[in-house]
Amino acid sequence: GSEFKGLDGLQAALLRKPELFAGTFTEKLMTYGLGRGLEYSDTPSVRAIVRNAQLQHFSFSSLVLGIVRSDPFQMRMSQ
């Protein structure tokens, strides 16, 4: 809920709280990867992915690998 102006303002807002962006990005990418919406039971996995990715400065690869290695992704049912 903060205001910003222009691209520089957006960048500054995202850099202030990178874990918020990483969390939302992880939720969206995980939704795509699972082929379904996230459920309450997926929340601990999302938090763990973001927490572990923080150690690697929220790199894209750390988020993707976290999703691929997560229980919800590993246990998904293919259609």
C-alpha atoms as a PDB file:
ATOM      1  CA  GLY A   1       0.000   0.000   0.000  1.00  0.00           C
ATOM      2  CA  SER A   2       2.682   2.547  -0.811  1.00  0.00           C
ATOM      3  CA  GLU A   3       2.773   5.044  -3.632  1.00  0.00           C
ATOM      4  CA  PHE A   4       5.623   5.463  -6.069  1.00  0.00           C
ATOM      5  CA  LYS A   5       6.342   7.434  -9.199  1.00  0.00           C
ATOM      6  CA  GLY A   6       7.875   6.011 -12.324  1.00  0.00           C
ATOM      7  CA  LEU A   7      10.094   3.048 -12.904  1.00  0.00           C
ATOM      8  CA  ASP A   8      12.696   4.231 -10.408  1.00  0.00           C
ATOM      9  CA  GLY A   9      10.033   4.469  -7.731  1.00  0.00           C
ATOM     10  CA  LEU A  10       8.811   0.962  -8.493  1.00  0.00           C
ATOM     11  CA  GLN A  11      12.343  -0.390  -8.299  1.00  0.00           C
ATOM     12  CA  ALA A  12      12.933   1.338  -4.959  1.00  0.00           C
ATOM     13  CA  ALA A  13       9.637  -0.005  -3.564  1.00  0.00           C
ATOM     14  CA  LEU A  14      10.486  -3.570  -4.610  1.00  0.00           C
ATOM     15  CA  LEU A  15      13.996  -3.357  -3.175  1.00  0.00           C
ATOM     16  CA  ARG A  16      12.704  -2.177   0.211  1.00  0.00           C
ATOM     17  CA  LYS A  17      10.889  -5.482   0.793  1.00  0.00           C
ATOM     18  CA  PRO A  18      12.173  -8.094  -1.650  1.00  0.00           C
ATOM     19  CA  GLU A  19      10.572 -10.929   0.328  1.00  0.00           C
ATOM     20  CA  LEU A  20       7.107  -9.604  -0.547  1.00  0.00           C
ATOM     21  CA  PHE A  21       7.850  -9.673  -4.251  1.00  0.00           C
ATOM     22  CA  ALA A  22       9.512 -13.101  -3.964  1.00  0.00           C
ATOM     23  CA  GLY A  23       6.509 -14.455  -2.061  1.00  0.00           C
ATOM     24  CA  THR A  24       3.991 -13.221  -4.602  1.00  0.00           C
ATOM     25  CA  PHE A  25       6.161 -14.369  -7.498  1.00  0.00           C
ATOM     26  CA  THR A  26       6.508 -17.816  -5.891  1.00  0.00           C
ATOM     27  CA  GLU A  27       2.738 -18.090  -5.386  1.00  0.00           C
ATOM     28  CA  LYS A  28       2.020 -17.192  -9.017  1.00  0.00           C
ATOM     29  CA  LEU A  29       4.706 -19.470 -10.454  1.00  0.00           C
ATOM     30  CA  MET A  30       3.650 -22.310  -8.170  1.00  0.00           C
ATOM     31  CA  THR A  31       0.021 -21.886  -9.240  1.00  0.00           C
ATOM     32  CA  TYR A  32       1.142 -22.241 -12.847  1.00  0.00           C
ATOM     33  CA  GLY A  33       3.398 -25.197 -12.077  1.00  0.00           C
ATOM     34  CA  LEU A  34       0.734 -27.056 -10.119  1.00  0.00           C
ATOM     35  CA  GLY A  35      -1.988 -26.319 -12.627  1.00  0.00           C
ATOM     36  CA  ARG A  36      -4.324 -25.296  -9.817  1.00  0.00           C
ATOM     37  CA  GLY A  37      -4.864 -22.556  -7.295  1.00  0.00           C
ATOM     38  CA  LEU A  38      -2.904 -22.622  -4.080  1.00  0.00           C
ATOM     39  CA  GLU A  39      -4.522 -24.079  -1.005  1.00  0.00           C
ATOM     40  CA  TYR A  40      -4.027 -23.301   2.663  1.00  0.00           C
ATOM     41  CA  SER A  41      -1.881 -26.429   2.979  1.00  0.00           C
ATOM     42  CA  ASP A  42       0.550 -25.011   0.370  1.00  0.00           C
ATOM     43  CA  THR A  43       1.391 -21.991   2.537  1.00  0.00           C
ATOM     44  CA  PRO A  44       4.221 -23.635   4.527  1.00  0.00           C
ATOM     45  CA  SER A  45       5.904 -24.692   1.290  1.00  0.00           C
ATOM     46  CA  VAL A  46       5.698 -21.180  -0.156  1.00  0.00           C
ATOM     47  CA  ARG A  47       7.188 -19.735   3.025  1.00  0.00           C
ATOM     48  CA  ALA A  48      10.014 -22.286   3.019  1.00  0.00           C
ATOM     49  CA  ILE A  49      10.796 -21.579  -0.640  1.00  0.00           C
ATOM     50  CA  VAL A  50      11.021 -17.839   0.000  1.00  0.00           C
ATOM     51  CA  ARG A  51      13.039 -18.318   3.198  1.00  0.00           C
ATOM     52  CA  ASN A  52      15.553 -20.575   1.419  1.00  0.00           C
ATOM     53  CA  ALA A  53      15.728 -18.286  -1.615  1.00  0.00           C
ATOM     54  CA  GLN A  54      16.633 -15.381   0.650  1.00  0.00           C
ATOM     55  CA  LEU A  55      19.978 -17.082   1.300  1.00  0.00           C
ATOM     56  CA  GLN A  56      20.677 -16.709  -2.440  1.00  0.00           C
ATOM     57  CA  HIS A  57      19.387 -13.122  -2.637  1.00  0.00           C
ATOM     58  CA  PHE A  58      16.065 -14.274  -4.128  1.00  0.00           C
ATOM     59  CA  SER A  59      17.619 -15.441  -7.371  1.00  0.00           C
ATOM     60  CA  PHE A  60      15.185 -16.667 -10.003  1.00  0.00           C
ATOM     61  CA  SER A  61      16.793 -20.100 -10.057  1.00  0.00           C
ATOM     62  CA  SER A  62      16.497 -20.504  -6.283  1.00  0.00           C
ATOM     63  CA  LEU A  63      12.758 -19.809  -6.482  1.00  0.00           C
ATOM     64  CA  VAL A  64      12.216 -22.192  -9.404  1.00  0.00           C
ATOM     65  CA  LEU A  65      14.274 -24.961  -7.794  1.00  0.00           C
ATOM     66  CA  GLY A  66      12.428 -24.446  -4.523  1.00  0.00           C
ATOM     67  CA  ILE A  67       9.111 -24.927  -6.293  1.00  0.00           C
ATOM     68  CA  VAL A  68      10.276 -28.005  -8.201  1.00  0.00           C
ATOM     69  CA  ARG A  69      11.612 -29.574  -5.002  1.00  0.00           C
ATOM     70  CA  SER A  70       8.526 -28.724  -2.926  1.00  0.00           C
ATOM     71  CA  ASP A  71       6.105 -31.377  -1.698  1.00  0.00           C
ATOM     72  CA  PRO A  72       3.085 -29.876  -3.494  1.00  0.00           C
ATOM     73  CA  PHE A  73       4.922 -29.952  -6.827  1.00  0.00           C
ATOM     74  CA  GLN A  74       6.390 -33.399  -6.266  1.00  0.00           C
ATOM     75  CA  MET A  75       2.990 -34.828  -5.234  1.00  0.00           C
ATOM     76  CA  ARG A  76       0.883 -33.158  -7.954  1.00  0.00           C
ATOM     77  CA  MET A  77      -1.392 -35.305 -10.040  1.00  0.00           C
ATOM     78  CA  SER A  78      -0.989 -35.102 -13.798  1.00  0.00           C
ATOM     79  CA  GLN A  79      -4.125 -35.061 -15.885  1.00  0.00           C
END
